[in-house]
Amino acid sequence: MAPVLIDPAARARLIDRFGAELAEPWCDALPELVARLTAKWDLEVREARPGNTGRTLLCAGPGGEPRVLKLTPDATVARSEAAALEAWAGCSRVVDVLDTDLDANAILLEGLVPGTQLTDREVPWAEVGDLLDQLHSVEPTGPFGQLATGIDFIFTLSERRRRESRAAAHLSAEVLAKGRERAMALATSGPTALLHGDLHPANVLDAGPGRGIVAIDPRAGFGDPALDAVDWMFVPVAEGGTIDDGLEALGPHVADFDAERVRAWCVAMAPLVALSPLRRGEPTPFTDAVLELAR
């Protein structure tokens, strides 16, 4: 049975992210687009994965080798991701680009084996530190936006999502606005590097014992490299620990680690960390701890 390329839940996520005017016609045309690209690159689609900015298709290449076809309705998203991955070419801890068709907002990537996410497993802190050092070591050139622009966008989007969901009962507009103010102050100060921009454990995959962890799905921009460490600091919090536990675990493995700026980013981004689980359900000990940090 052929995989479903776009289901109602995936369509709804894309409409939420990009609006119906862009997302609806793109979703309708997706089967034709996939047919053209799989013929061009001699791919067989095996599985479709969800995403907030497009669709990820797990494929087999001409010889059965794993390939990943990334598609999005937004040309800026595709071009920024392709440019970032090209900037990180040669970095062993970043997924390799095999080809692009940017007129179709399409990127063809190597497949990673086993390709499992780092969620629900012990964090390999030394490898995460090496990943951060590799990401931030390249010359930051390309069509990338400034971090402050991205911060403004994500907090504006998050306010709408907060207001229109069950999260509004637990996360106030005032707390979210305070987070925005803190984040903008950090985004317009401090050092600058090419950021991954969405470096949480679900966007880091296991590529096997010979290679270790590999980052995927960047939302790249120029800004403070401390931001890329933030999601890892909340892993111990989810397990009943603290931000300090994360700082102590990661700090020794990152060159020029600025623990105070990482901590400040954790405080600023805490409302966004709490928002997603609060939209899905009721408060938990994790969301309570994160919101306490946000206040």
Protein backbone atom coordinates (compact mmCIF):
# COMPACT_ATOMS: atom_id res chain seq x y z
CA MET A 1 0.00 0.00 0.00
CA ALA A 2 1.34 3.43 -0.96
CA PRO A 3 1.91 5.81 1.96
CA VAL A 4 -0.54 8.66 2.46
CA LEU A 5 1.32 11.78 1.34
CA ILE A 6 -0.88 14.30 3.13
CA ASP A 7 -3.48 13.46 5.79
CA PRO A 8 -5.96 15.84 7.47
CA ALA A 9 -3.74 16.37 10.52
CA ALA A 10 -0.71 17.24 8.38
CA ARG A 11 -2.82 19.57 6.24
CA ALA A 12 -4.11 21.32 9.37
CA ARG A 13 -0.57 21.85 10.69
CA LEU A 14 0.54 23.43 7.43
CA ILE A 15 -2.52 25.68 7.31
CA ASP A 16 -1.81 26.75 10.89
CA ARG A 17 1.79 27.55 9.97
CA PHE A 18 1.44 29.13 6.51
CA GLY A 19 -2.23 30.02 6.14
CA ALA A 20 -4.81 28.41 3.87
CA GLU A 21 -3.97 30.55 0.84
CA LEU A 22 -0.50 29.01 0.54
CA ALA A 23 -0.96 25.62 2.20
CA GLU A 24 -4.21 24.38 0.65
CA PRO A 25 -3.18 24.46 -3.03
CA TRP A 26 0.24 23.06 -2.16
CA CYS A 27 -1.33 20.11 -0.34
CA ASP A 28 -3.70 19.50 -3.26
CA ALA A 29 -0.79 19.46 -5.73
CA LEU A 30 1.51 17.34 -3.56
CA PRO A 31 0.85 13.94 -5.22
CA GLU A 32 1.74 15.33 -8.65
CA LEU A 33 4.87 17.04 -7.27
CA VAL A 34 6.02 13.84 -5.55
CA ALA A 35 5.46 11.82 -8.71
CA ARG A 36 7.64 14.21 -10.70
CA LEU A 37 10.46 14.35 -8.16
CA THR A 38 10.56 10.60 -7.47
CA ALA A 39 10.83 10.00 -11.22
CA LYS A 40 13.60 12.61 -11.49
CA TRP A 41 15.67 11.09 -8.66
CA ASP A 42 14.59 7.45 -9.12
CA LEU A 43 13.05 7.18 -5.67
CA GLU A 44 10.44 4.93 -4.13
CA VAL A 45 8.49 6.51 -1.28
CA ARG A 46 8.32 4.16 1.71
CA GLU A 47 6.94 6.41 4.47
CA ALA A 48 5.64 9.96 4.99
CA ARG A 49 6.59 11.80 8.18
CA PRO A 50 4.76 14.79 9.68
CA GLY A 51 6.24 18.24 10.04
CA ASN A 52 5.18 21.79 10.81
CA THR A 53 6.73 23.33 7.69
CA GLY A 54 6.24 20.60 5.07
CA ARG A 55 6.46 16.87 4.46
CA THR A 56 9.38 14.49 4.91
CA LEU A 57 9.29 11.38 2.75
CA LEU A 58 11.49 8.41 3.60
CA CYS A 59 12.50 6.82 0.32
CA ALA A 60 14.65 4.15 -1.25
CA GLY A 61 17.13 5.22 -3.92
CA PRO A 62 18.06 3.42 -7.15
CA GLY A 63 20.05 0.75 -5.32
CA GLY A 64 17.74 0.53 -2.33
CA GLU A 65 19.85 2.96 -0.28
CA PRO A 66 17.93 5.21 2.12
CA ARG A 67 17.08 8.70 0.92
CA VAL A 68 14.98 11.50 2.41
CA LEU A 69 12.91 13.90 0.31
CA LYS A 70 12.09 17.18 2.09
CA LEU A 71 9.23 19.29 0.67
CA THR A 72 7.70 22.58 1.83
CA PRO A 73 5.22 25.10 0.43
CA ASP A 74 7.49 27.99 1.46
CA ALA A 75 10.41 28.88 -0.83
CA THR A 76 12.20 30.80 1.93
CA VAL A 77 12.17 27.76 4.22
CA ALA A 78 13.57 25.51 1.50
CA ARG A 79 16.28 27.92 0.38
CA SER A 80 17.39 28.71 3.92
CA GLU A 81 17.59 25.03 4.88
CA ALA A 82 19.49 24.11 1.72
CA ALA A 83 21.94 26.99 2.19
CA ALA A 84 22.56 26.08 5.84
CA LEU A 85 23.17 22.42 5.06
CA GLU A 86 25.55 23.42 2.27
CA ALA A 87 27.39 25.70 4.71
CA TRP A 88 27.77 22.73 7.05
CA ALA A 89 28.89 20.36 4.28
CA GLY A 90 31.79 18.35 5.64
CA CYS A 91 30.51 18.53 9.21
CA SER A 92 30.03 14.90 10.20
CA ARG A 93 27.26 15.75 12.65
CA VAL A 94 25.00 17.42 10.06
CA VAL A 95 22.97 15.55 7.45
CA ASP A 96 24.36 15.68 3.88
CA VAL A 97 22.51 17.22 0.92
CA LEU A 98 22.55 15.01 -2.18
CA ASP A 99 20.63 17.31 -4.52
CA THR A 100 18.08 20.12 -4.59
CA ASP A 101 15.26 21.36 -6.79
CA LEU A 102 14.64 24.74 -5.26
CA ASP A 103 12.12 25.70 -7.95
CA ALA A 104 10.01 22.95 -6.37
CA ASN A 105 11.12 23.76 -2.78
CA ALA A 106 12.63 20.27 -2.60
CA ILE A 107 15.78 18.93 -0.94
CA LEU A 108 17.12 15.40 -1.33
CA LEU A 109 19.10 14.18 1.70
CA GLU A 110 21.07 11.14 2.69
CA GLY A 111 19.15 8.63 4.77
CA LEU A 112 20.53 7.92 8.24
CA VAL A 113 20.56 4.42 9.74
CA PRO A 114 19.03 3.61 12.17
CA GLY A 115 17.79 7.23 12.08
CA THR A 116 16.08 7.15 15.47
CA GLN A 117 15.46 10.40 17.33
CA LEU A 118 17.26 11.26 20.56
CA THR A 119 13.96 11.59 22.42
CA ASP A 120 13.33 9.14 25.27
CA ARG A 121 16.95 8.07 25.57
CA GLU A 122 19.99 9.15 27.55
CA VAL A 123 21.61 12.25 26.10
CA PRO A 124 25.13 11.66 24.75
CA TRP A 125 26.37 14.98 26.12
CA ALA A 126 29.86 14.79 24.62
CA GLU A 127 28.41 14.22 21.15
CA VAL A 128 25.92 17.06 21.59
CA GLY A 129 28.83 19.33 22.55
CA ASP A 130 30.74 18.28 19.44
CA LEU A 131 27.63 18.92 17.34
CA LEU A 132 27.29 22.44 18.73
CA ASP A 133 30.97 23.17 18.10
CA GLN A 134 30.69 21.95 14.49
CA LEU A 135 27.54 23.98 13.83
CA HIS A 136 29.03 27.21 15.15
CA SER A 137 32.48 26.85 13.59
CA VAL A 138 31.52 27.61 9.98
CA GLU A 139 31.70 31.05 8.36
CA PRO A 140 28.18 32.47 8.67
CA THR A 141 27.45 33.57 5.10
CA GLY A 142 24.30 33.02 3.05
CA PRO A 143 20.64 34.07 2.73
CA PHE A 144 19.92 33.79 6.44
CA GLY A 145 17.81 36.08 8.57
CA GLN A 146 18.80 37.75 11.81
CA LEU A 147 17.86 35.98 15.01
CA ALA A 148 15.80 38.94 16.23
CA THR A 149 13.51 38.59 13.19
CA GLY A 150 12.97 34.91 13.94
CA ILE A 151 12.30 35.62 17.61
CA ASP A 152 9.69 38.22 16.71
CA PHE A 153 8.00 35.76 14.32
CA ILE A 154 7.88 32.80 16.69
CA PHE A 155 6.55 34.81 19.63
CA THR A 156 3.87 36.40 17.44
CA LEU A 157 2.84 32.97 16.15
CA SER A 158 2.92 31.57 19.69
CA GLU A 159 0.65 34.31 21.03
CA ARG A 160 -1.99 33.37 18.46
CA ARG A 161 -1.61 29.69 19.26
CA ARG A 162 -1.81 30.40 23.01
CA ARG A 163 -4.91 32.55 22.63
CA GLU A 164 -6.73 30.01 20.44
CA SER A 165 -5.98 26.93 22.54
CA ARG A 166 -6.47 25.44 26.00
CA ALA A 167 -3.01 26.79 26.89
CA ALA A 168 -4.59 30.22 27.46
CA ALA A 169 -5.93 29.00 30.81
CA HIS A 170 -2.43 28.30 32.11
CA LEU A 171 -0.04 30.57 30.18
CA SER A 172 -0.88 34.27 30.30
CA ALA A 173 -0.24 36.83 27.59
CA GLU A 174 1.86 38.75 30.14
CA VAL A 175 4.23 35.82 30.75
CA LEU A 176 4.60 35.27 26.99
CA ALA A 177 5.26 38.99 26.45
CA LYS A 178 7.92 38.97 29.18
CA GLY A 179 9.61 36.06 27.42
CA ARG A 180 9.57 37.97 24.14
CA GLU A 181 11.17 41.01 25.77
CA ARG A 182 13.92 38.90 27.32
CA ALA A 183 14.55 37.00 24.10
CA MET A 184 14.76 40.15 21.99
CA ALA A 185 17.31 41.63 24.40
CA LEU A 186 19.45 38.52 24.05
CA ALA A 187 18.96 38.29 20.28
CA THR A 188 20.27 41.83 19.77
CA SER A 189 23.38 41.36 21.88
CA GLY A 190 26.21 38.91 22.36
CA PRO A 191 28.23 36.84 19.87
CA THR A 192 27.04 35.77 16.41
CA ALA A 193 27.25 32.44 14.61
CA LEU A 194 25.25 30.44 12.10
CA LEU A 195 22.55 28.80 14.24
CA HIS A 196 20.63 25.61 13.66
CA GLY A 197 17.68 27.38 15.25
CA ASP A 198 15.54 24.32 16.09
CA LEU A 199 17.99 21.98 17.78
CA HIS A 200 15.83 19.81 20.00
CA PRO A 201 16.29 16.04 20.52
CA ALA A 202 13.70 15.13 17.86
CA ASN A 203 15.83 16.95 15.27
CA VAL A 204 18.95 14.94 16.13
CA LEU A 205 19.15 11.37 14.83
CA ASP A 206 21.30 8.36 15.60
CA ALA A 207 23.41 7.56 12.52
CA GLY A 208 24.95 4.44 14.01
CA PRO A 209 28.09 3.62 15.98
CA GLY A 210 30.50 4.79 13.29
CA ARG A 211 29.10 8.31 13.05
CA GLY A 212 27.00 9.01 16.11
CA ILE A 213 24.40 11.76 16.31
CA VAL A 214 23.49 13.93 13.31
CA ALA A 215 21.37 17.10 13.16
CA ILE A 216 18.52 17.55 10.67
CA ASP A 217 15.85 20.17 9.91
CA PRO A 218 17.62 23.48 10.62
CA ARG A 219 15.77 26.78 10.84
CA ALA A 220 18.99 28.64 10.35
CA GLY A 221 19.80 32.25 11.14
CA PHE A 222 22.55 34.53 12.40
CA GLY A 223 22.64 34.97 16.14
CA ASP A 224 23.79 33.97 19.60
CA PRO A 225 25.12 30.37 19.57
CA ALA A 226 23.92 29.91 23.16
CA LEU A 227 20.37 29.56 21.83
CA ASP A 228 21.11 26.18 20.20
CA ALA A 229 21.80 24.68 23.65
CA VAL A 230 18.46 25.64 25.19
CA ASP A 231 16.32 22.59 24.39
CA TRP A 232 18.96 20.30 25.85
CA MET A 233 18.80 22.14 29.16
CA PHE A 234 15.14 21.19 29.53
CA VAL A 235 15.83 17.46 29.18
CA PRO A 236 16.88 17.16 32.86
CA VAL A 237 13.88 19.32 33.86
CA ALA A 238 11.56 16.79 32.18
CA GLU A 239 13.18 14.12 34.32
CA GLY A 240 12.65 16.03 37.56
CA GLY A 241 15.99 17.86 37.56
CA THR A 242 16.97 21.45 36.90
CA ILE A 243 18.52 23.71 34.29
CA ASP A 244 21.72 23.58 36.33
CA ASP A 245 21.90 19.82 35.71
CA GLY A 246 21.89 20.48 31.99
CA LEU A 247 24.50 23.21 32.24
CA GLU A 248 26.79 20.95 34.24
CA ALA A 249 26.31 18.04 31.80
CA LEU A 250 26.90 19.99 28.58
CA GLY A 251 29.29 22.74 29.61
CA PRO A 252 32.53 20.68 29.70
CA HIS A 253 31.95 19.50 26.12
CA VAL A 254 31.43 22.89 24.38
CA ALA A 255 34.19 25.31 23.51
CA ASP A 256 33.63 28.80 24.97
CA PHE A 257 30.45 27.66 26.73
CA ASP A 258 28.65 30.69 28.20
CA ALA A 259 26.52 29.17 30.94
CA GLU A 260 24.97 32.49 31.97
CA ARG A 261 23.74 33.29 28.45
CA VAL A 262 22.41 29.74 28.04
CA ARG A 263 20.57 30.12 31.35
CA ALA A 264 19.19 33.51 30.29
CA TRP A 265 17.94 32.00 27.01
CA CYS A 266 16.26 29.21 28.96
CA VAL A 267 14.35 31.77 31.01
CA ALA A 268 13.39 33.76 27.91
CA MET A 269 12.24 30.74 25.91
CA ALA A 270 10.50 28.97 28.80
CA PRO A 271 7.00 30.20 27.78
CA LEU A 272 7.45 28.62 24.34
CA VAL A 273 8.73 25.38 25.88
CA ALA A 274 5.59 25.20 28.03
CA LEU A 275 3.21 26.24 25.26
CA SER A 276 3.35 23.13 23.11
CA PRO A 277 2.46 20.58 25.83
CA LEU A 278 -0.14 22.96 27.28
CA ARG A 279 -1.87 23.16 23.90
CA ARG A 280 -2.15 19.36 23.94
CA GLY A 281 -3.37 18.89 27.51
CA GLU A 282 -3.42 19.91 31.15
CA PRO A 283 -0.45 21.16 33.21
CA THR A 284 2.13 18.62 34.35
CA PRO A 285 5.03 18.83 36.80
CA PHE A 286 7.21 19.64 33.78
CA THR A 287 5.07 22.55 32.55
CA ASP A 288 4.73 23.82 36.13
CA ALA A 289 8.53 23.88 36.52
CA VAL A 290 9.01 25.55 33.14
CA LEU A 291 6.40 28.25 33.86
CA GLU A 292 7.96 28.93 37.23
CA LEU A 293 11.19 29.64 35.39
CA ALA A 294 9.33 31.88 32.91
CA ARG A 295 7.91 34.11 35.63
